[in-house]
Amino acid sequence: MKSPFDLKFVFVVGKGGVGKTAVSGALALAAAAQGKRVLLAMCNAKDRLSYMLETGPIGPHIQTLLPRLEAVNMEPAAALEEYGMLVLRVRALYKVVFENRFVSAFLHGTPGIDAWAMLGKAQYHAREKDHEGRDRYDLVIVDAPATGHGLDLLRVPRVILDVAPPGLLRREAEHANELFQDPERTGVLLVTLPEEMPSTETVELHAAVRNELNLPVCGLVVNQTLQTLFSGSEREALRDVRSRLPAESPLAPLVALSHARAEREQLQADCIARLASHVPARQVQLPLMLEGDFRRRQLEVLGERLAEGFRPQ
C-alpha cells in the first residue's frame, strides 16, 4: 500500500471536527517540503486554512500560496465553468455546450452535479500536463466535506455513470472512476480522533469506502492524541486511592484530576486498538497541540510527523 506522499490524488475524509483541514494542510506542506508540486483543493468550505498557513484568502480559482504549493476553494458554479473550459478548451464551444438551455436543464437535473463540478475539476488537475508535457502537479489533495457529504462526493462518478448518456460527461466520469480506484495513483486518507464516536464512525466509513465504493485507503491519521502519563498499574492505584480518600482531603482534587486523565488515556488506548483491528491501514498518530493560536509552524510540525509516520518501513 502506497503512502499519501507517493500518490497522485489523495482524498482526506473524516467526521466533522476531527481536524481534516489541518491534516490536509500539514500533508500539503510536508509534500511541498519534499519538492513536490502540490494542489490543495477545498470543497466550497469555510476558509480556515489560509489563516493557518498565514496566506491571503483562498478563493474559487487556483492561486499560489507558497513555493510549490497552490490551493483553491472550489465553488460549484465557478468549478463547473472552469472545468468545462479546461475540457472543451474553446470558450465559444463552452457556451454552446454548457450554456445551452437544454444542456443546462439536464445538468442541473443530474444528481450530484454540483459535487461533480468540484470533483471533476480536481481530478482533471491530477491528470493535467504543463506546456512541456510534464504533470502540472505531483500531488492533488482534496479536503473532502464531513463524512456523510464526503461519501456522497466519492459516489459521484458512479452516479454520473448510471444516469449520463454516452458523451463528454460520461467519458470524464469514466476517467475519474478509473483514477480513483487505482491504488498506484489514488488513496483515501481517513482522519479521526481517539474518542468513541469518531472512531466508531471511522470504522463505518472505512467499510463504506472499501466495500461499497471499492476505493483504496492509503492511511489512517489519529489526530489529537494524548501523551501517556499513567501505566495500567498506576491507573488501578489511582482508582483505589480515589475510592478510599476522604472527600475533604486536600489531595482529593489532585487525585480526581489524575484519575480523570488516566481514564481518558485508557479510553484513547481502547479506541486506537479498535481502529487498528478494523482498519487495516498504516496508522499515524498526531499529538494534541495545546496552542493558543494554530498557525503555519504548528502545521509544519504535524507535517513532519506525517512524513515520518508514512516513511517506507
C-alpha atoms as a PDB file:
ATOM      1  CA  MET A   1       0.000   0.000   0.000  1.00  0.00           C
ATOM      2  CA  LYS A   2       1.472   3.348  -1.081  1.00  0.00           C
ATOM      3  CA  SER A   3       1.734   6.222   1.365  1.00  0.00           C
ATOM      4  CA  PRO A   4      -0.104   9.504   0.698  1.00  0.00           C
ATOM      5  CA  PHE A   5       3.224  11.076  -0.278  1.00  0.00           C
ATOM      6  CA  ASP A   6       3.709   8.609  -3.136  1.00  0.00           C
ATOM      7  CA  LEU A   7       0.295   9.074  -4.745  1.00  0.00           C
ATOM      8  CA  LYS A   8      -1.090  11.433  -7.355  1.00  0.00           C
ATOM      9  CA  PHE A   9      -4.514  12.062  -5.764  1.00  0.00           C
ATOM     10  CA  VAL A  10      -5.491  11.914  -2.069  1.00  0.00           C
ATOM     11  CA  PHE A  11      -8.947  12.352  -0.516  1.00  0.00           C
ATOM     12  CA  VAL A  12      -8.794  13.460   3.131  1.00  0.00           C
ATOM     13  CA  VAL A  13     -12.047  12.358   4.776  1.00  0.00           C
ATOM     14  CA  GLY A  14     -13.498  12.071   8.274  1.00  0.00           C
ATOM     15  CA  LYS A  15     -16.168  13.203  10.710  1.00  0.00           C
ATOM     16  CA  GLY A  16     -16.620  16.941  11.164  1.00  0.00           C
ATOM     17  CA  GLY A  17     -14.372  18.398  13.856  1.00  0.00           C
ATOM     18  CA  VAL A  18     -11.591  15.797  13.695  1.00  0.00           C
ATOM     19  CA  GLY A  19      -9.093  18.166  12.068  1.00  0.00           C
ATOM     20  CA  LYS A  20      -9.311  17.177   8.389  1.00  0.00           C
ATOM     21  CA  THR A  21      -8.357  20.638   7.180  1.00  0.00           C
ATOM     22  CA  ALA A  22      -5.342  20.835   9.489  1.00  0.00           C
ATOM     23  CA  VAL A  23      -4.209  17.373   8.353  1.00  0.00           C
ATOM     24  CA  SER A  24      -4.741  18.365   4.694  1.00  0.00           C
ATOM     25  CA  GLY A  25      -2.658  21.498   5.208  1.00  0.00           C
ATOM     26  CA  ALA A  26       0.058  19.606   7.085  1.00  0.00           C
ATOM     27  CA  LEU A  27       0.221  16.953   4.356  1.00  0.00           C
ATOM     28  CA  ALA A  28       0.437  19.640   1.667  1.00  0.00           C
ATOM     29  CA  LEU A  29       3.253  21.497   3.474  1.00  0.00           C
ATOM     30  CA  ALA A  30       5.218  18.281   4.054  1.00  0.00           C
ATOM     31  CA  ALA A  31       4.839  17.175   0.421  1.00  0.00           C
ATOM     32  CA  ALA A  32       5.907  20.603  -0.846  1.00  0.00           C
ATOM     33  CA  ALA A  33       8.917  20.469   1.507  1.00  0.00           C
ATOM     34  CA  GLN A  34       9.878  17.209  -0.223  1.00  0.00           C
ATOM     35  CA  GLY A  35       9.968  19.071  -3.537  1.00  0.00           C
ATOM     36  CA  LYS A  36       6.556  18.006  -4.848  1.00  0.00           C
ATOM     37  CA  ARG A  37       4.264  20.390  -6.713  1.00  0.00           C
ATOM     38  CA  VAL A  38       1.054  20.289  -4.702  1.00  0.00           C
ATOM     39  CA  LEU A  39      -2.518  21.453  -5.277  1.00  0.00           C
ATOM     40  CA  LEU A  40      -4.714  21.585  -2.182  1.00  0.00           C
ATOM     41  CA  ALA A  41      -8.409  21.693  -3.134  1.00  0.00           C
ATOM     42  CA  MET A  42     -11.154  22.503  -0.640  1.00  0.00           C
ATOM     43  CA  CYS A  43     -14.808  21.799  -1.445  1.00  0.00           C
ATOM     44  CA  ASN A  44     -16.786  25.023  -1.017  1.00  0.00           C
ATOM     45  CA  ALA A  45     -15.539  25.230   2.567  1.00  0.00           C
ATOM     46  CA  LYS A  46     -15.294  27.983   5.129  1.00  0.00           C
ATOM     47  CA  ASP A  47     -11.731  29.151   4.616  1.00  0.00           C
ATOM     48  CA  ARG A  48      -9.817  28.465   7.828  1.00  0.00           C
ATOM     49  CA  LEU A  49      -6.776  27.128   6.027  1.00  0.00           C
ATOM     50  CA  SER A  50      -5.434  30.482   4.822  1.00  0.00           C
ATOM     51  CA  TYR A  51      -5.300  31.683   8.435  1.00  0.00           C
ATOM     52  CA  MET A  52      -3.364  28.584   9.497  1.00  0.00           C
ATOM     53  CA  LEU A  53      -0.994  28.874   6.532  1.00  0.00           C
ATOM     54  CA  GLU A  54      -0.627  32.635   7.088  1.00  0.00           C
ATOM     55  CA  THR A  55      -1.527  33.473   3.479  1.00  0.00           C
ATOM     56  CA  GLY A  56      -4.182  35.530   1.743  1.00  0.00           C
ATOM     57  CA  PRO A  57      -7.756  34.182   1.437  1.00  0.00           C
ATOM     58  CA  ILE A  58      -8.184  31.095  -0.745  1.00  0.00           C
ATOM     59  CA  GLY A  59     -10.760  31.723  -3.468  1.00  0.00           C
ATOM     60  CA  PRO A  60     -12.523  29.751  -6.223  1.00  0.00           C
ATOM     61  CA  HIS A  61      -9.595  29.953  -8.647  1.00  0.00           C
ATOM     62  CA  ILE A  62      -6.201  28.325  -8.231  1.00  0.00           C
ATOM     63  CA  GLN A  63      -3.630  30.573  -6.594  1.00  0.00           C
ATOM     64  CA  THR A  64      -0.063  30.174  -5.392  1.00  0.00           C
ATOM     65  CA  LEU A  65       0.231  30.228  -1.599  1.00  0.00           C
ATOM     66  CA  LEU A  66       3.820  29.169  -1.022  1.00  0.00           C
ATOM     67  CA  PRO A  67       6.640  27.753  -3.157  1.00  0.00           C
ATOM     68  CA  ARG A  68       5.383  24.521  -4.794  1.00  0.00           C
ATOM     69  CA  LEU A  69       2.008  24.855  -3.041  1.00  0.00           C
ATOM     70  CA  GLU A  70      -1.139  26.076  -4.774  1.00  0.00           C
ATOM     71  CA  ALA A  71      -4.698  25.986  -3.453  1.00  0.00           C
ATOM     72  CA  VAL A  72      -8.301  26.518  -4.472  1.00  0.00           C
ATOM     73  CA  ASN A  73     -11.601  26.666  -2.589  1.00  0.00           C
ATOM     74  CA  MET A  74     -13.887  25.122  -5.207  1.00  0.00           C
ATOM     75  CA  GLU A  75     -17.379  26.602  -5.555  1.00  0.00           C
ATOM     76  CA  PRO A  76     -19.777  24.550  -7.727  1.00  0.00           C
ATOM     77  CA  ALA A  77     -20.706  27.256 -10.268  1.00  0.00           C
ATOM     78  CA  ALA A  78     -17.153  28.539 -10.736  1.00  0.00           C
ATOM     79  CA  ALA A  79     -15.763  24.988 -10.768  1.00  0.00           C
ATOM     80  CA  LEU A  80     -18.248  23.867 -13.443  1.00  0.00           C
ATOM     81  CA  GLU A  81     -17.368  26.806 -15.690  1.00  0.00           C
ATOM     82  CA  GLU A  82     -13.631  26.378 -15.224  1.00  0.00           C
ATOM     83  CA  TYR A  83     -13.792  22.604 -15.580  1.00  0.00           C
ATOM     84  CA  GLY A  84     -15.889  22.962 -18.738  1.00  0.00           C
ATOM     85  CA  MET A  85     -13.340  25.352 -20.189  1.00  0.00           C
ATOM     86  CA  LEU A  86     -10.459  23.040 -19.272  1.00  0.00           C
ATOM     87  CA  VAL A  87     -12.125  20.109 -21.027  1.00  0.00           C
ATOM     88  CA  LEU A  88     -13.575  21.935 -24.053  1.00  0.00           C
ATOM     89  CA  ARG A  89     -10.664  24.397 -24.429  1.00  0.00           C
ATOM     90  CA  VAL A  90     -12.657  26.893 -26.529  1.00  0.00           C
ATOM     91  CA  ARG A  91     -14.936  29.429 -24.809  1.00  0.00           C
ATOM     92  CA  ALA A  92     -17.322  29.553 -27.761  1.00  0.00           C
ATOM     93  CA  LEU A  93     -17.717  25.777 -27.562  1.00  0.00           C
ATOM     94  CA  TYR A  94     -18.198  26.013 -23.798  1.00  0.00           C
ATOM     95  CA  LYS A  95     -21.047  28.463 -24.324  1.00  0.00           C
ATOM     96  CA  VAL A  96     -22.685  26.212 -26.939  1.00  0.00           C
ATOM     97  CA  VAL A  97     -22.475  23.131 -24.695  1.00  0.00           C
ATOM     98  CA  PHE A  98     -22.830  24.362 -21.106  1.00  0.00           C
ATOM     99  CA  GLU A  99     -24.942  27.483 -21.596  1.00  0.00           C
ATOM    100  CA  ASN A 100     -27.441  25.806 -23.911  1.00  0.00           C
ATOM    101  CA  ARG A 101     -30.755  25.851 -22.025  1.00  0.00           C
ATOM    102  CA  PHE A 102     -31.455  22.172 -22.723  1.00  0.00           C
ATOM    103  CA  VAL A 103     -27.987  21.071 -21.633  1.00  0.00           C
ATOM    104  CA  SER A 104     -28.204  23.355 -18.599  1.00  0.00           C
ATOM    105  CA  ALA A 105     -31.554  21.837 -17.624  1.00  0.00           C
ATOM    106  CA  PHE A 106     -30.073  18.331 -17.962  1.00  0.00           C
ATOM    107  CA  LEU A 107     -27.007  19.199 -15.890  1.00  0.00           C
ATOM    108  CA  HIS A 108     -28.957  20.766 -13.058  1.00  0.00           C
ATOM    109  CA  GLY A 109     -31.311  17.789 -13.062  1.00  0.00           C
ATOM    110  CA  THR A 110     -28.412  15.352 -12.803  1.00  0.00           C
ATOM    111  CA  PRO A 111     -27.881  14.027  -9.247  1.00  0.00           C
ATOM    112  CA  GLY A 112     -24.632  15.216  -7.750  1.00  0.00           C
ATOM    113  CA  ILE A 113     -23.744  17.677 -10.500  1.00  0.00           C
ATOM    114  CA  ASP A 114     -22.564  20.334  -8.010  1.00  0.00           C
ATOM    115  CA  ALA A 115     -20.285  17.783  -6.374  1.00  0.00           C
ATOM    116  CA  TRP A 116     -19.108  16.610  -9.786  1.00  0.00           C
ATOM    117  CA  ALA A 117     -18.236  20.176 -10.785  1.00  0.00           C
ATOM    118  CA  MET A 118     -15.735  20.250  -7.912  1.00  0.00           C
ATOM    119  CA  LEU A 119     -14.570  16.648  -8.128  1.00  0.00           C
ATOM    120  CA  GLY A 120     -14.242  16.751 -11.908  1.00  0.00           C
ATOM    121  CA  LYS A 121     -12.088  19.855 -11.704  1.00  0.00           C
ATOM    122  CA  ALA A 122      -9.851  18.318  -9.015  1.00  0.00           C
ATOM    123  CA  GLN A 123      -9.320  15.057 -10.896  1.00  0.00           C
ATOM    124  CA  TYR A 124      -8.653  16.956 -14.120  1.00  0.00           C
ATOM    125  CA  HIS A 125      -5.749  18.749 -12.440  1.00  0.00           C
ATOM    126  CA  ALA A 126      -4.385  15.393 -11.248  1.00  0.00           C
ATOM    127  CA  ARG A 127      -4.103  14.417 -14.931  1.00  0.00           C
ATOM    128  CA  GLU A 128      -3.161  17.856 -16.269  1.00  0.00           C
ATOM    129  CA  LYS A 129       0.070  18.455 -18.192  1.00  0.00           C
ATOM    130  CA  ASP A 130       2.029  21.677 -18.484  1.00  0.00           C
ATOM    131  CA  HIS A 131       3.232  23.196 -21.759  1.00  0.00           C
ATOM    132  CA  GLU A 132       6.290  20.905 -21.684  1.00  0.00           C
ATOM    133  CA  GLY A 133       4.180  17.770 -21.352  1.00  0.00           C
ATOM    134  CA  ARG A 134       5.012  17.162 -17.677  1.00  0.00           C
ATOM    135  CA  ASP A 135       2.468  16.660 -14.917  1.00  0.00           C
ATOM    136  CA  ARG A 136       1.420  20.079 -13.644  1.00  0.00           C
ATOM    137  CA  TYR A 137       1.088  18.664 -10.116  1.00  0.00           C
ATOM    138  CA  ASP A 138       2.800  15.771  -8.379  1.00  0.00           C
ATOM    139  CA  LEU A 139       0.036  15.554  -5.769  1.00  0.00           C
ATOM    140  CA  VAL A 140      -3.563  16.804  -5.617  1.00  0.00           C
ATOM    141  CA  ILE A 141      -5.097  16.777  -2.117  1.00  0.00           C
ATOM    142  CA  VAL A 142      -8.870  17.084  -1.731  1.00  0.00           C
ATOM    143  CA  ASP A 143     -10.025  18.259   1.691  1.00  0.00           C
ATOM    144  CA  ALA A 144     -13.394  16.492   1.450  1.00  0.00           C
ATOM    145  CA  PRO A 145     -16.585  17.515   3.280  1.00  0.00           C
ATOM    146  CA  ALA A 146     -17.510  15.800   6.565  1.00  0.00           C
ATOM    147  CA  THR A 147     -18.285  12.070   6.499  1.00  0.00           C
ATOM    148  CA  GLY A 148     -21.822  11.933   5.013  1.00  0.00           C
ATOM    149  CA  HIS A 149     -21.207  14.604   2.388  1.00  0.00           C
ATOM    150  CA  GLY A 150     -17.716  13.223   1.827  1.00  0.00           C
ATOM    151  CA  LEU A 151     -19.135   9.821   0.931  1.00  0.00           C
ATOM    152  CA  ASP A 152     -21.644  11.472  -1.390  1.00  0.00           C
ATOM    153  CA  LEU A 153     -18.729  13.216  -3.107  1.00  0.00           C
ATOM    154  CA  LEU A 154     -16.882   9.918  -3.575  1.00  0.00           C
ATOM    155  CA  ARG A 155     -20.046   8.300  -5.001  1.00  0.00           C
ATOM    156  CA  VAL A 156     -20.496  10.938  -7.700  1.00  0.00           C
ATOM    157  CA  PRO A 157     -18.585   9.244 -10.572  1.00  0.00           C
ATOM    158  CA  ARG A 158     -20.749   6.133 -10.203  1.00  0.00           C
ATOM    159  CA  VAL A 159     -23.917   8.240 -10.109  1.00  0.00           C
ATOM    160  CA  ILE A 160     -22.852  10.012 -13.309  1.00  0.00           C
ATOM    161  CA  LEU A 161     -22.078   6.667 -14.961  1.00  0.00           C
ATOM    162  CA  ASP A 162     -25.534   5.434 -14.001  1.00  0.00           C
ATOM    163  CA  VAL A 163     -27.504   8.405 -15.343  1.00  0.00           C
ATOM    164  CA  ALA A 164     -25.441  10.153 -18.038  1.00  0.00           C
ATOM    165  CA  PRO A 165     -25.805   9.133 -21.704  1.00  0.00           C
ATOM    166  CA  PRO A 166     -22.691   8.443 -23.804  1.00  0.00           C
ATOM    167  CA  GLY A 167     -20.764  11.656 -24.333  1.00  0.00           C
ATOM    168  CA  LEU A 168     -18.391  14.118 -22.710  1.00  0.00           C
ATOM    169  CA  LEU A 169     -19.792  13.942 -19.158  1.00  0.00           C
ATOM    170  CA  ARG A 170     -19.797  10.151 -19.114  1.00  0.00           C
ATOM    171  CA  ARG A 171     -16.264   9.908 -20.525  1.00  0.00           C
ATOM    172  CA  GLU A 172     -14.962  12.261 -17.857  1.00  0.00           C
ATOM    173  CA  ALA A 173     -16.703  10.212 -15.146  1.00  0.00           C
ATOM    174  CA  GLU A 174     -15.098   7.058 -16.540  1.00  0.00           C
ATOM    175  CA  HIS A 175     -11.661   8.708 -16.390  1.00  0.00           C
ATOM    176  CA  ALA A 176     -12.304   9.778 -12.796  1.00  0.00           C
ATOM    177  CA  ASN A 177     -13.597   6.366 -11.727  1.00  0.00           C
ATOM    178  CA  GLU A 178     -10.523   4.706 -13.214  1.00  0.00           C
ATOM    179  CA  LEU A 179      -8.220   7.149 -11.425  1.00  0.00           C
ATOM    180  CA  PHE A 180      -9.950   6.863  -8.060  1.00  0.00           C
ATOM    181  CA  GLN A 181      -9.863   3.051  -7.995  1.00  0.00           C
ATOM    182  CA  ASP A 182      -6.168   2.814  -8.889  1.00  0.00           C
ATOM    183  CA  PRO A 183      -4.136   2.210  -5.678  1.00  0.00           C
ATOM    184  CA  GLU A 184      -0.952   3.220  -7.510  1.00  0.00           C
ATOM    185  CA  ARG A 185      -2.296   6.740  -8.040  1.00  0.00           C
ATOM    186  CA  THR A 186      -5.115   7.419  -5.565  1.00  0.00           C
ATOM    187  CA  GLY A 187      -5.844   6.874  -1.886  1.00  0.00           C
ATOM    188  CA  VAL A 188      -8.382   7.821   0.762  1.00  0.00           C
ATOM    189  CA  LEU A 189      -6.750   9.154   3.931  1.00  0.00           C
ATOM    190  CA  LEU A 190      -9.032   8.684   6.948  1.00  0.00           C
ATOM    191  CA  VAL A 191      -8.797  11.170   9.816  1.00  0.00           C
ATOM    192  CA  THR A 192     -10.279  10.596  13.261  1.00  0.00           C
ATOM    193  CA  LEU A 193      -9.904  11.321  16.967  1.00  0.00           C
ATOM    194  CA  PRO A 194      -9.106   8.735  19.667  1.00  0.00           C
ATOM    195  CA  GLU A 195     -12.651   9.013  21.011  1.00  0.00           C
ATOM    196  CA  GLU A 196     -15.621   6.660  20.918  1.00  0.00           C
ATOM    197  CA  MET A 197     -17.975   8.371  18.441  1.00  0.00           C
ATOM    198  CA  PRO A 198     -15.348   9.486  15.893  1.00  0.00           C
ATOM    199  CA  SER A 199     -13.603   6.092  15.952  1.00  0.00           C
ATOM    200  CA  THR A 200     -16.902   4.229  15.514  1.00  0.00           C
ATOM    201  CA  GLU A 201     -17.817   6.437  12.572  1.00  0.00           C
ATOM    202  CA  THR A 202     -14.355   5.914  11.085  1.00  0.00           C
ATOM    203  CA  VAL A 203     -14.763   2.130  11.191  1.00  0.00           C
ATOM    204  CA  GLU A 204     -18.079   2.531   9.349  1.00  0.00           C
ATOM    205  CA  LEU A 205     -16.540   4.998   6.897  1.00  0.00           C
ATOM    206  CA  HIS A 206     -13.703   2.592   6.121  1.00  0.00           C
ATOM    207  CA  ALA A 207     -16.213  -0.190   5.415  1.00  0.00           C
ATOM    208  CA  ALA A 208     -18.168   2.070   3.035  1.00  0.00           C
ATOM    209  CA  VAL A 209     -15.040   3.254   1.219  1.00  0.00           C
ATOM    210  CA  ARG A 210     -13.681  -0.250   0.735  1.00  0.00           C
ATOM    211  CA  ASN A 211     -16.792  -2.429   0.361  1.00  0.00           C
ATOM    212  CA  GLU A 212     -19.285  -0.089  -1.315  1.00  0.00           C
ATOM    213  CA  LEU A 213     -17.019   2.178  -3.355  1.00  0.00           C
ATOM    214  CA  ASN A 214     -14.018  -0.132  -3.790  1.00  0.00           C
ATOM    215  CA  LEU A 215     -11.594   2.745  -3.259  1.00  0.00           C
ATOM    216  CA  PRO A 216      -8.071   2.251  -1.873  1.00  0.00           C
ATOM    217  CA  VAL A 217      -7.323   3.506   1.650  1.00  0.00           C
ATOM    218  CA  CYS A 218      -3.790   4.893   1.969  1.00  0.00           C
ATOM    219  CA  GLY A 219      -3.697   5.521   5.703  1.00  0.00           C
ATOM    220  CA  LEU A 220      -5.400   6.397   8.967  1.00  0.00           C
ATOM    221  CA  VAL A 221      -4.494   9.529  10.938  1.00  0.00           C
ATOM    222  CA  VAL A 222      -5.472   9.541  14.611  1.00  0.00           C
ATOM    223  CA  ASN A 223      -5.397  13.223  15.458  1.00  0.00           C
ATOM    224  CA  GLN A 224      -5.009  14.969  18.819  1.00  0.00           C
ATOM    225  CA  THR A 225      -3.646  12.001  20.784  1.00  0.00           C
ATOM    226  CA  LEU A 226      -2.665  12.486  24.412  1.00  0.00           C
ATOM    227  CA  GLN A 227       0.772  11.636  25.700  1.00  0.00           C
ATOM    228  CA  THR A 228       0.523   8.618  28.017  1.00  0.00           C
ATOM    229  CA  LEU A 229       1.328   9.635  31.592  1.00  0.00           C
ATOM    230  CA  PHE A 230      -0.028   6.670  33.589  1.00  0.00           C
ATOM    231  CA  SER A 231       0.662   2.964  33.270  1.00  0.00           C
ATOM    232  CA  GLY A 232      -2.040   0.341  33.802  1.00  0.00           C
ATOM    233  CA  SER A 233      -0.895  -0.363  37.354  1.00  0.00           C
ATOM    234  CA  GLU A 234      -0.798   3.358  38.180  1.00  0.00           C
ATOM    235  CA  ARG A 235      -4.317   3.732  36.834  1.00  0.00           C
ATOM    236  CA  GLU A 236      -5.538   0.948  39.122  1.00  0.00           C
ATOM    237  CA  ALA A 237      -3.750   2.547  42.065  1.00  0.00           C
ATOM    238  CA  LEU A 238      -5.448   5.869  41.353  1.00  0.00           C
ATOM    239  CA  ARG A 239      -8.851   4.161  41.319  1.00  0.00           C
ATOM    240  CA  ASP A 240      -8.116   2.557  44.664  1.00  0.00           C
ATOM    241  CA  VAL A 241      -6.844   5.770  46.258  1.00  0.00           C
ATOM    242  CA  ARG A 242      -9.772   7.781  44.925  1.00  0.00           C
ATOM    243  CA  SER A 243     -12.307   5.309  46.354  1.00  0.00           C
ATOM    244  CA  ARG A 244     -10.730   5.442  49.828  1.00  0.00           C
ATOM    245  CA  LEU A 245      -9.683   9.089  50.043  1.00  0.00           C
ATOM    246  CA  PRO A 246     -11.983  11.330  52.164  1.00  0.00           C
ATOM    247  CA  ALA A 247     -13.729  13.994  50.106  1.00  0.00           C
ATOM    248  CA  GLU A 248     -12.424  16.707  52.445  1.00  0.00           C
ATOM    249  CA  SER A 249      -8.788  15.649  51.919  1.00  0.00           C
ATOM    250  CA  PRO A 250      -6.610  18.394  50.394  1.00  0.00           C
ATOM    251  CA  LEU A 251      -5.324  15.724  47.976  1.00  0.00           C
ATOM    252  CA  ALA A 252      -8.804  14.891  46.675  1.00  0.00           C
ATOM    253  CA  PRO A 253      -8.819  17.421  43.752  1.00  0.00           C
ATOM    254  CA  LEU A 254      -5.386  16.303  42.560  1.00  0.00           C
ATOM    255  CA  VAL A 255      -6.315  12.624  42.771  1.00  0.00           C
ATOM    256  CA  ALA A 256      -9.610  13.280  40.943  1.00  0.00           C
ATOM    257  CA  LEU A 257      -7.847  15.101  38.110  1.00  0.00           C
ATOM    258  CA  SER A 258      -5.188  12.401  37.852  1.00  0.00           C
ATOM    259  CA  HIS A 259      -7.852   9.697  37.790  1.00  0.00           C
ATOM    260  CA  ALA A 260      -9.795  11.514  35.039  1.00  0.00           C
ATOM    261  CA  ARG A 261      -6.632  11.802  32.947  1.00  0.00           C
ATOM    262  CA  ALA A 262      -5.799   8.125  33.447  1.00  0.00           C
ATOM    263  CA  GLU A 263      -9.324   7.088  32.430  1.00  0.00           C
ATOM    264  CA  ARG A 264      -9.139   9.242  29.319  1.00  0.00           C
ATOM    265  CA  GLU A 265      -5.839   7.633  28.398  1.00  0.00           C
ATOM    266  CA  GLN A 266      -7.458   4.207  28.771  1.00  0.00           C
ATOM    267  CA  LEU A 267     -10.343   5.229  26.516  1.00  0.00           C
ATOM    268  CA  GLN A 268      -7.856   6.536  23.981  1.00  0.00           C
ATOM    269  CA  ALA A 269      -5.908   3.256  24.039  1.00  0.00           C
ATOM    270  CA  ASP A 270      -9.118   1.252  23.581  1.00  0.00           C
ATOM    271  CA  CYS A 271     -10.183   3.386  20.605  1.00  0.00           C
ATOM    272  CA  ILE A 272      -6.769   3.142  18.947  1.00  0.00           C
ATOM    273  CA  ALA A 273      -6.745  -0.643  19.422  1.00  0.00           C
ATOM    274  CA  ARG A 274     -10.244  -0.914  17.938  1.00  0.00           C
ATOM    275  CA  LEU A 275      -9.242   1.187  14.954  1.00  0.00           C
ATOM    276  CA  ALA A 276      -6.176  -0.965  14.391  1.00  0.00           C
ATOM    277  CA  SER A 277      -8.283  -4.141  14.397  1.00  0.00           C
ATOM    278  CA  HIS A 278     -10.945  -2.803  11.991  1.00  0.00           C
ATOM    279  CA  VAL A 279      -8.978  -0.523   9.675  1.00  0.00           C
ATOM    280  CA  PRO A 280      -6.086  -2.435   8.069  1.00  0.00           C
ATOM    281  CA  ALA A 281      -4.081   0.618   7.012  1.00  0.00           C
ATOM    282  CA  ARG A 282      -0.938   2.382   8.180  1.00  0.00           C
ATOM    283  CA  GLN A 283      -1.878   4.318  11.306  1.00  0.00           C
ATOM    284  CA  VAL A 284      -0.150   7.597  12.164  1.00  0.00           C
ATOM    285  CA  GLN A 285      -0.858   9.339  15.460  1.00  0.00           C
ATOM    286  CA  LEU A 286      -0.601  13.112  15.706  1.00  0.00           C
ATOM    287  CA  PRO A 287      -0.206  14.794  19.099  1.00  0.00           C
ATOM    288  CA  LEU A 288      -2.691  17.075  20.788  1.00  0.00           C
ATOM    289  CA  MET A 289      -1.084  20.506  20.465  1.00  0.00           C
ATOM    290  CA  LEU A 290      -2.177  22.858  23.229  1.00  0.00           C
ATOM    291  CA  GLU A 291      -1.565  26.028  21.280  1.00  0.00           C
ATOM    292  CA  GLY A 292      -3.392  29.296  21.771  1.00  0.00           C
ATOM    293  CA  ASP A 293      -3.070  30.045  18.053  1.00  0.00           C
ATOM    294  CA  PHE A 294      -2.723  27.290  15.442  1.00  0.00           C
ATOM    295  CA  ARG A 295      -0.594  28.612  12.570  1.00  0.00           C
ATOM    296  CA  ARG A 296       1.908  27.502   9.937  1.00  0.00           C
ATOM    297  CA  ARG A 297       4.595  26.372  12.364  1.00  0.00           C
ATOM    298  CA  GLN A 298       2.151  24.006  14.065  1.00  0.00           C
ATOM    299  CA  LEU A 299       1.105  22.626  10.655  1.00  0.00           C
ATOM    300  CA  GLU A 300       4.760  22.102   9.791  1.00  0.00           C
ATOM    301  CA  VAL A 301       5.254  20.078  12.989  1.00  0.00           C
ATOM    302  CA  LEU A 302       2.262  17.896  12.111  1.00  0.00           C
ATOM    303  CA  GLY A 303       3.558  17.573   8.554  1.00  0.00           C
ATOM    304  CA  GLU A 304       6.895  16.322   9.851  1.00  0.00           C
ATOM    305  CA  ARG A 305       5.049  13.724  11.948  1.00  0.00           C
ATOM    306  CA  LEU A 306       3.067  12.628   8.878  1.00  0.00           C
ATOM    307  CA  ALA A 307       6.208  12.330   6.772  1.00  0.00           C
ATOM    308  CA  GLU A 308       7.900  10.290   9.491  1.00  0.00           C
ATOM    309  CA  GLY A 309       4.858   8.111  10.112  1.00  0.00           C
ATOM    310  CA  PHE A 310       4.344   7.291   6.440  1.00  0.00           C
ATOM    311  CA  ARG A 311       8.027   6.758   5.689  1.00  0.00           C
ATOM    312  CA  PRO A 312       8.544   3.348   3.983  1.00  0.00           C
ATOM    313  CA  GLN A 313       9.323   0.660   6.546  1.00  0.00           C
END
